[in-house]
Amino acid sequence: MGAADTVPGVSGGTMALITGIYEDLLAAVKSVDIRMFKHLLSLDLKAALAGVHIRFLLCLFCGIGIAVMSLARVMNYLLHYQPVPTWSLFFGLIAASIWVVGRRVALWSFRQAVALCVGTAAAWFIVGLVPADTPETAGFIFLSGMVAVCAMILPGLSGAFILLILGKYEYILGLLEKPFMPANLGMLAILAAGCAAGLAGFSRVLKYVLDKWPDNAIACLTGMMLGSMRKIWPWKEPLVVESIGGRQVVITEANVWPEAALSEIMIPAILMLAGFALVMIIERISHRSSAD
């Protein structure tokens, strides 16, 4: 999830779905409630942690944190200097995820088809938005964390891409490259607080929807992944390029068919197949683990 969340267009929620921990994730986040904070304020640590899925949350968020800290620079390099192979791998991952998640709908009917179309249209529209120029104040960083984390747990919508739309993706990557500088550490703490606030509220809404209308919810989430393929298509052509901080930055781009020689397309095609196969292997392993 952490590796996925560093890439604009790839959702950590998708990784949670294909590894079979998505509902456990929502339940674990929901277990952090007001009663826990009341017990913490009264210094009753045992009672505070009694109803919280603490082991699951610690393992998960430590894994996400380590991946984000260690891979932020690598992902930034790959997306700048090896974009086609990188996006090809993720295209295969998401394509397989659509198939895997879509099979979880118990019965496809007209309602599920509508939910699929709504999810597809929503994600297609969101990933086509133009990144904005926004302030770097503490309040806006807090708000960015709240909004981005909601996308992070929604399959098909990337928290990193929401940060890109809000104009804060490169800024946050810069903070993560030197996280222990006092100024950077303070802003990262504000970002984390915003993420915690957004996660605590939005996870409850999502858990309620999944419990109340499971097939419709899964169909909509499948559609969101399908719509996000607009962003993940590897071959693109810049439409609008601006100079930001002395560097040329692509603001909008269009998907195009590859015009390179067949030999140059082979590696991206192999990476697509590798990504697809990896998801199918992970899904099979998660099925065996749940059966055991």
Protein backbone atom coordinates (compact mmCIF):
# COMPACT_ATOMS: atom_id res chain seq x y z
CA MET A 1 0.00 0.00 0.00
CA GLY A 2 2.82 2.40 0.84
CA ALA A 3 4.58 1.79 -2.47
CA ALA A 4 1.33 2.31 -4.37
CA ASP A 5 0.49 5.49 -2.48
CA THR A 6 3.70 7.20 -3.64
CA VAL A 7 2.57 6.92 -7.29
CA PRO A 8 -0.02 9.38 -8.68
CA GLY A 9 -2.77 7.24 -10.21
CA VAL A 10 -2.20 4.03 -8.23
CA SER A 11 -4.33 3.51 -5.12
CA GLY A 12 -3.26 1.91 -1.87
CA GLY A 13 -6.90 0.87 -1.49
CA THR A 14 -6.53 -1.24 -4.63
CA MET A 15 -3.57 -3.05 -3.07
CA ALA A 16 -5.62 -3.64 0.10
CA LEU A 17 -8.43 -5.14 -1.97
CA ILE A 18 -6.29 -7.54 -3.98
CA THR A 19 -4.38 -8.71 -0.89
CA GLY A 20 -7.65 -9.43 0.92
CA ILE A 21 -7.23 -6.98 3.83
CA TYR A 22 -9.61 -4.21 2.71
CA GLU A 23 -12.52 -4.92 5.05
CA ASP A 24 -10.09 -5.67 7.89
CA LEU A 25 -8.50 -2.28 7.25
CA LEU A 26 -11.83 -0.44 7.48
CA ALA A 27 -12.83 -2.36 10.62
CA ALA A 28 -9.46 -1.65 12.25
CA VAL A 29 -9.64 2.09 11.53
CA LYS A 30 -13.25 2.18 12.78
CA SER A 31 -12.10 0.62 16.07
CA VAL A 32 -10.28 3.89 16.86
CA ASP A 33 -13.17 5.87 18.36
CA ILE A 34 -14.05 8.56 20.92
CA ARG A 35 -14.06 6.04 23.80
CA MET A 36 -10.41 5.28 23.11
CA PHE A 37 -9.48 8.96 23.37
CA LYS A 38 -11.50 9.35 26.59
CA HIS A 39 -9.56 6.47 28.15
CA LEU A 40 -6.28 8.00 26.93
CA LEU A 41 -7.15 11.34 28.54
CA SER A 42 -7.77 9.53 31.83
CA LEU A 43 -4.40 7.74 31.38
CA ASP A 44 -6.08 4.31 31.25
CA LEU A 45 -3.93 2.83 28.48
CA LYS A 46 -5.19 -0.74 28.90
CA ALA A 47 -8.84 0.27 28.48
CA ALA A 48 -7.93 2.60 25.59
CA LEU A 49 -6.34 -0.23 23.60
CA ALA A 50 -8.84 -2.92 24.60
CA GLY A 51 -11.18 -2.43 21.62
CA VAL A 52 -8.59 -1.23 19.11
CA HIS A 53 -7.11 -3.55 16.46
CA ILE A 54 -3.71 -2.34 17.57
CA ARG A 55 -1.52 -5.13 16.15
CA PHE A 56 -3.10 -4.86 12.71
CA LEU A 57 -2.83 -1.05 12.64
CA LEU A 58 0.76 -0.98 13.91
CA CYS A 59 1.95 -3.54 11.35
CA LEU A 60 0.04 -1.89 8.51
CA PHE A 61 1.03 1.72 9.14
CA CYS A 62 4.64 0.86 9.97
CA GLY A 63 4.80 -0.97 6.62
CA ILE A 64 3.20 1.96 4.79
CA GLY A 65 5.49 4.47 6.53
CA ILE A 66 8.67 2.52 5.76
CA ALA A 67 7.65 2.08 2.11
CA VAL A 68 6.75 5.75 1.66
CA MET A 69 9.98 6.97 3.28
CA SER A 70 12.23 4.56 1.38
CA LEU A 71 10.50 4.56 -2.01
CA ALA A 72 9.51 8.22 -2.43
CA ARG A 73 12.83 9.13 -4.07
CA VAL A 74 12.90 5.93 -6.18
CA MET A 75 9.35 6.45 -7.46
CA ASN A 76 10.09 10.09 -8.22
CA TYR A 77 13.12 9.03 -10.28
CA LEU A 78 11.26 6.26 -12.16
CA LEU A 79 8.30 8.49 -13.01
CA HIS A 80 10.62 11.20 -14.36
CA TYR A 81 13.21 9.10 -16.20
CA GLN A 82 11.49 5.75 -16.94
CA PRO A 83 7.81 6.71 -17.21
CA VAL A 84 6.63 4.22 -19.86
CA PRO A 85 8.02 1.04 -18.21
CA THR A 86 6.86 2.23 -14.77
CA TRP A 87 3.31 3.04 -15.88
CA SER A 88 3.22 -0.22 -17.89
CA LEU A 89 3.84 -2.27 -14.76
CA PHE A 90 1.13 -0.41 -12.87
CA PHE A 91 -1.26 -0.69 -15.83
CA GLY A 92 -0.97 -4.48 -15.60
CA LEU A 93 -1.48 -4.36 -11.82
CA ILE A 94 -4.67 -2.30 -12.07
CA ALA A 95 -6.06 -4.25 -15.06
CA ALA A 96 -5.80 -7.48 -13.08
CA SER A 97 -7.24 -5.75 -10.00
CA ILE A 98 -10.38 -4.78 -11.95
CA TRP A 99 -10.91 -8.45 -12.85
CA VAL A 100 -10.20 -9.69 -9.30
CA VAL A 101 -12.39 -7.13 -7.52
CA GLY A 102 -15.22 -7.36 -10.06
CA ARG A 103 -15.53 -11.09 -9.36
CA ARG A 104 -16.37 -10.29 -5.73
CA VAL A 105 -19.81 -9.00 -6.74
CA ALA A 106 -22.13 -11.88 -5.84
CA LEU A 107 -24.80 -11.03 -8.46
CA TRP A 108 -24.47 -8.56 -11.33
CA SER A 109 -27.75 -6.81 -12.14
CA PHE A 110 -28.95 -3.43 -13.42
CA ARG A 111 -28.16 -1.73 -10.09
CA GLN A 112 -24.62 -3.05 -10.05
CA ALA A 113 -24.15 -1.98 -13.69
CA VAL A 114 -25.28 1.56 -12.78
CA ALA A 115 -22.92 1.61 -9.78
CA LEU A 116 -20.07 0.46 -12.06
CA CYS A 117 -20.80 3.26 -14.54
CA VAL A 118 -21.04 5.89 -11.77
CA GLY A 119 -17.70 4.80 -10.30
CA THR A 120 -16.06 4.76 -13.73
CA ALA A 121 -17.36 8.23 -14.64
CA ALA A 122 -16.34 9.71 -11.26
CA ALA A 123 -12.77 8.38 -11.43
CA TRP A 124 -12.44 9.29 -15.14
CA PHE A 125 -13.43 12.89 -14.34
CA ILE A 126 -11.25 13.24 -11.22
CA VAL A 127 -8.06 11.93 -12.83
CA GLY A 128 -8.56 14.38 -15.69
CA LEU A 129 -8.53 17.44 -13.43
CA VAL A 130 -5.72 19.96 -13.89
CA PRO A 131 -3.28 20.33 -10.95
CA ALA A 132 -3.83 23.59 -9.07
CA ASP A 133 -1.47 26.20 -7.64
CA THR A 134 -2.15 26.26 -3.87
CA PRO A 135 -0.55 27.69 -0.69
CA GLU A 136 1.92 25.85 1.54
CA THR A 137 0.34 26.92 4.82
CA ALA A 138 -0.19 24.54 7.75
CA GLY A 139 -3.98 24.73 7.37
CA PHE A 140 -3.92 23.78 3.70
CA ILE A 141 -1.44 20.94 4.33
CA PHE A 142 -3.84 19.60 7.00
CA LEU A 143 -6.76 19.83 4.55
CA SER A 144 -4.68 18.14 1.82
CA GLY A 145 -4.00 15.22 4.16
CA MET A 146 -7.71 14.87 4.97
CA VAL A 147 -8.73 14.78 1.30
CA ALA A 148 -5.84 12.63 0.08
CA VAL A 149 -6.31 9.91 2.69
CA CYS A 150 -9.97 9.51 1.66
CA ALA A 151 -8.75 8.77 -1.87
CA MET A 152 -6.03 6.48 -0.50
CA ILE A 153 -8.56 3.98 0.87
CA LEU A 154 -10.79 4.19 -2.20
CA PRO A 155 -9.64 1.68 -4.87
CA GLY A 156 -9.03 3.49 -8.14
CA LEU A 157 -8.41 6.91 -6.60
CA SER A 158 -4.85 7.69 -5.63
CA GLY A 159 -4.01 9.82 -2.62
CA ALA A 160 -0.81 10.86 -4.40
CA PHE A 161 -2.84 11.99 -7.42
CA ILE A 162 -5.18 14.04 -5.21
CA LEU A 163 -2.07 15.74 -3.79
CA LEU A 164 -0.99 16.37 -7.40
CA ILE A 165 -4.36 17.98 -8.19
CA LEU A 166 -4.06 20.10 -5.04
CA GLY A 167 -0.58 21.16 -6.14
CA LYS A 168 1.16 19.54 -3.17
CA TYR A 169 2.63 16.28 -4.59
CA GLU A 170 6.15 17.55 -5.31
CA TYR A 171 6.12 19.59 -2.09
CA ILE A 172 5.32 16.49 0.02
CA LEU A 173 7.91 14.41 -1.87
CA GLY A 174 10.46 17.09 -1.02
CA LEU A 175 9.55 16.84 2.67
CA LEU A 176 9.88 13.05 2.58
CA GLU A 177 13.35 13.17 1.05
CA LYS A 178 14.63 14.90 4.24
CA PRO A 179 11.97 13.99 6.82
CA PHE A 180 14.03 14.69 9.96
CA MET A 181 14.75 18.34 9.28
CA PRO A 182 12.82 20.30 11.97
CA ALA A 183 10.78 22.34 9.47
CA ASN A 184 9.96 19.27 7.34
CA LEU A 185 9.12 17.17 10.39
CA GLY A 186 6.62 19.78 11.59
CA MET A 187 4.80 19.91 8.23
CA LEU A 188 4.78 16.12 7.98
CA ALA A 189 3.21 15.97 11.45
CA ILE A 190 0.48 18.37 10.30
CA LEU A 191 -0.07 16.25 7.17
CA ALA A 192 -0.28 13.10 9.32
CA ALA A 193 -2.84 14.78 11.61
CA GLY A 194 -4.98 15.66 8.60
CA CYS A 195 -4.70 12.08 7.32
CA ALA A 196 -5.74 10.71 10.72
CA ALA A 197 -8.78 13.01 10.88
CA GLY A 198 -9.89 12.15 7.34
CA LEU A 199 -9.32 8.43 7.82
CA ALA A 200 -11.26 8.29 11.09
CA GLY A 201 -14.34 9.91 9.53
CA PHE A 202 -14.38 8.55 5.99
CA SER A 203 -13.61 4.93 6.91
CA ARG A 204 -16.83 4.77 8.95
CA VAL A 205 -18.91 5.98 6.02
CA LEU A 206 -17.26 3.50 3.68
CA LYS A 207 -17.64 0.60 6.13
CA TYR A 208 -21.36 1.39 6.51
CA VAL A 209 -21.88 1.43 2.72
CA LEU A 210 -20.00 -1.87 2.27
CA ASP A 211 -22.07 -3.53 5.03
CA LYS A 212 -25.40 -2.09 3.81
CA TRP A 213 -25.00 -2.47 0.03
CA PRO A 214 -21.99 -4.78 -0.53
CA ASP A 215 -22.55 -5.64 -4.21
CA ASN A 216 -23.33 -2.04 -5.22
CA ALA A 217 -20.30 -0.76 -3.29
CA ILE A 218 -17.90 -3.30 -4.81
CA ALA A 219 -19.29 -2.59 -8.30
CA CYS A 220 -18.72 1.15 -7.77
CA LEU A 221 -15.18 0.54 -6.49
CA THR A 222 -14.51 -1.64 -9.55
CA GLY A 223 -15.71 1.22 -11.74
CA MET A 224 -13.36 3.63 -9.96
CA MET A 225 -10.41 1.41 -10.84
CA LEU A 226 -11.64 1.19 -14.43
CA GLY A 227 -11.95 4.97 -14.70
CA SER A 228 -8.48 5.47 -13.21
CA MET A 229 -6.96 3.63 -16.19
CA ARG A 230 -7.15 6.98 -18.01
CA LYS A 231 -4.30 8.22 -15.83
CA ILE A 232 -2.27 4.97 -15.86
CA TRP A 233 -2.06 4.46 -19.66
CA PRO A 234 1.75 4.47 -20.28
CA TRP A 235 1.98 6.37 -23.58
CA LYS A 236 1.15 10.06 -23.31
CA GLU A 237 1.66 13.30 -25.20
CA PRO A 238 2.10 16.62 -23.32
CA LEU A 239 -0.60 19.19 -24.04
CA VAL A 240 0.27 22.01 -21.62
CA VAL A 241 3.76 22.46 -20.17
CA GLU A 242 4.69 25.19 -17.67
CA SER A 243 7.97 26.25 -16.06
CA ILE A 244 7.78 25.74 -12.29
CA GLY A 245 10.84 26.50 -10.17
CA GLY A 246 13.05 26.57 -13.25
CA ARG A 247 11.89 23.09 -14.35
CA GLN A 248 9.50 22.20 -17.17
CA VAL A 249 6.42 20.47 -15.69
CA VAL A 250 3.65 18.78 -17.69
CA ILE A 251 0.30 20.18 -16.55
CA THR A 252 -2.03 18.26 -18.87
CA GLU A 253 -1.40 15.35 -21.23
CA ALA A 254 -3.32 13.13 -23.64
CA ASN A 255 -3.22 9.35 -24.02
CA VAL A 256 -1.82 8.21 -27.39
CA TRP A 257 -1.10 4.89 -29.09
CA PRO A 258 2.58 3.89 -29.07
CA GLU A 259 4.39 4.78 -32.29
CA ALA A 260 7.75 3.23 -31.37
CA ALA A 261 9.24 0.16 -33.01
CA LEU A 262 7.94 -3.24 -31.95
CA SER A 263 11.21 -3.98 -30.12
CA GLU A 264 10.71 -0.86 -27.95
CA ILE A 265 7.15 -1.86 -27.06
CA MET A 266 8.15 -5.36 -25.98
CA ILE A 267 9.53 -4.35 -22.57
CA PRO A 268 6.41 -2.32 -21.57
CA ALA A 269 4.20 -5.20 -22.79
CA ILE A 270 6.19 -7.71 -20.72
CA LEU A 271 5.93 -5.44 -17.67
CA MET A 272 2.15 -5.19 -18.17
CA LEU A 273 1.90 -8.98 -18.23
CA ALA A 274 4.19 -9.22 -15.20
CA GLY A 275 1.98 -6.79 -13.26
CA PHE A 276 -1.14 -8.71 -14.25
CA ALA A 277 0.43 -12.03 -13.24
CA LEU A 278 1.67 -10.61 -9.92
CA VAL A 279 -1.86 -9.59 -8.89
CA MET A 280 -3.27 -12.99 -9.84
CA ILE A 281 -0.56 -14.70 -7.77
CA ILE A 282 -1.20 -12.43 -4.76
CA GLU A 283 -4.95 -13.04 -5.06
CA ARG A 284 -4.44 -16.81 -5.13
CA ILE A 285 -2.13 -16.66 -2.10
CA SER A 286 -4.64 -14.54 -0.17
CA HIS A 287 -7.40 -17.06 -0.98
CA ARG A 288 -5.27 -19.91 0.34
CA SER A 289 -4.42 -17.94 3.50
CA SER A 290 -8.09 -17.18 4.20
CA ALA A 291 -9.02 -20.83 3.55
CA ASP A 292 -6.38 -22.00 6.06
